[in-house]
């Protein structure tokens, strides 16, 4: 059985200061009992991090067509907006 110490160092591709901001915002919204804020923060940060990590791959796969990136960003923001609208009108 392998020890966890044998795994070595893990390279994290997301900058630590961005993760710190994300954790601080989610903790703040959790302390304030704002589920909507937690979800919106999670949606927006995950959308940004996927773009940050794979944006060049998306553009390479789309052969440099900017409408693909526009569609990615707009559908991601639409998902966040529709989720918040559903939370506001929750019964």
Protein backbone atom coordinates (compact mmCIF):
# COMPACT_ATOMS: atom_id res chain seq x y z
CA UNK A 1 0.00 0.00 0.00
CA UNK A 2 1.42 3.35 -1.03
CA UNK A 3 1.82 6.21 1.34
CA UNK A 4 0.46 9.62 0.49
CA UNK A 5 4.00 10.96 0.83
CA UNK A 6 5.09 8.94 -2.20
CA UNK A 7 2.78 10.91 -4.47
CA UNK A 8 5.24 13.79 -4.68
CA UNK A 9 4.43 17.37 -5.40
CA UNK A 10 1.23 18.25 -7.19
CA UNK A 11 1.32 21.08 -9.69
CA UNK A 12 -1.80 23.19 -9.51
CA UNK A 13 -2.51 25.06 -12.73
CA UNK A 14 -4.88 27.56 -11.11
CA UNK A 15 -3.10 30.44 -9.34
CA UNK A 16 -3.25 30.20 -5.55
CA UNK A 17 -4.42 33.81 -5.12
CA UNK A 18 -7.50 33.05 -7.28
CA UNK A 19 -8.31 30.00 -5.18
CA UNK A 20 -7.89 32.13 -2.07
CA UNK A 21 -10.36 34.71 -3.38
CA UNK A 22 -12.80 31.96 -4.30
CA UNK A 23 -12.57 30.30 -0.87
CA UNK A 24 -12.91 33.66 0.89
CA UNK A 25 -16.01 34.61 -1.13
CA UNK A 26 -17.69 31.24 -0.64
CA UNK A 27 -16.90 31.30 3.09
CA UNK A 28 -18.31 34.83 3.36
CA UNK A 29 -21.53 33.88 1.56
CA UNK A 30 -21.86 30.73 3.67
CA UNK A 31 -21.51 32.73 6.88
CA UNK A 32 -24.14 35.18 5.61
CA UNK A 33 -26.45 32.23 4.67
CA UNK A 34 -26.51 33.34 1.02
CA UNK A 35 -26.89 30.19 -1.06
CA UNK A 36 -27.35 32.26 -4.20
CA UNK A 37 -24.04 34.01 -3.67
CA UNK A 38 -22.23 30.72 -3.14
CA UNK A 39 -23.70 29.23 -6.29
CA UNK A 40 -23.06 32.31 -8.39
CA UNK A 41 -19.46 32.48 -7.17
CA UNK A 42 -18.96 28.80 -7.95
CA UNK A 43 -20.49 29.10 -11.43
CA UNK A 44 -18.50 32.17 -12.38
CA UNK A 45 -15.17 30.96 -11.00
CA UNK A 46 -15.55 27.54 -12.63
CA UNK A 47 -16.45 29.20 -15.93
CA UNK A 48 -13.40 31.44 -15.65
CA UNK A 49 -11.05 28.63 -14.59
CA UNK A 50 -12.11 26.39 -17.48
CA UNK A 51 -11.50 29.30 -19.83
CA UNK A 52 -8.16 30.02 -18.15
CA UNK A 53 -6.99 26.42 -18.40
CA UNK A 54 -8.43 25.37 -21.76
CA UNK A 55 -9.04 28.61 -23.66
CA UNK A 56 -6.18 28.06 -26.08
CA UNK A 57 -7.36 24.50 -26.75
CA UNK A 58 -10.88 25.75 -27.44
CA UNK A 59 -9.61 28.31 -29.92
CA UNK A 60 -7.30 25.77 -31.58
CA UNK A 61 -10.17 23.31 -31.97
CA UNK A 62 -12.37 26.06 -33.41
CA UNK A 63 -9.68 27.08 -35.92
CA UNK A 64 -9.57 30.61 -34.50
CA UNK A 65 -13.28 31.36 -35.01
CA UNK A 66 -14.16 33.90 -32.29
CA UNK A 67 -17.87 33.02 -32.33
CA UNK A 68 -17.06 29.72 -30.60
CA UNK A 69 -15.55 31.53 -27.62
CA UNK A 70 -18.43 34.00 -27.62
CA UNK A 71 -20.89 31.10 -27.51
CA UNK A 72 -18.94 29.47 -24.65
CA UNK A 73 -18.95 32.62 -22.54
CA UNK A 74 -22.56 33.55 -23.29
CA UNK A 75 -23.93 30.06 -22.57
CA UNK A 76 -21.91 29.90 -19.36
CA UNK A 77 -23.25 33.24 -18.18
CA UNK A 78 -26.77 32.24 -19.24
CA UNK A 79 -26.43 29.11 -17.09
CA UNK A 80 -25.45 31.24 -14.10
CA UNK A 81 -28.29 33.73 -14.69
CA UNK A 82 -30.95 31.06 -15.17
CA UNK A 83 -29.79 29.24 -12.05
CA UNK A 84 -30.08 32.43 -10.02
CA UNK A 85 -33.51 33.18 -11.47
CA UNK A 86 -34.61 29.68 -10.49
CA UNK A 87 -33.29 30.23 -6.97
CA UNK A 88 -35.03 33.59 -6.60
CA UNK A 89 -38.38 32.12 -7.61
CA UNK A 90 -38.01 28.94 -5.55
CA UNK A 91 -41.19 28.02 -3.70
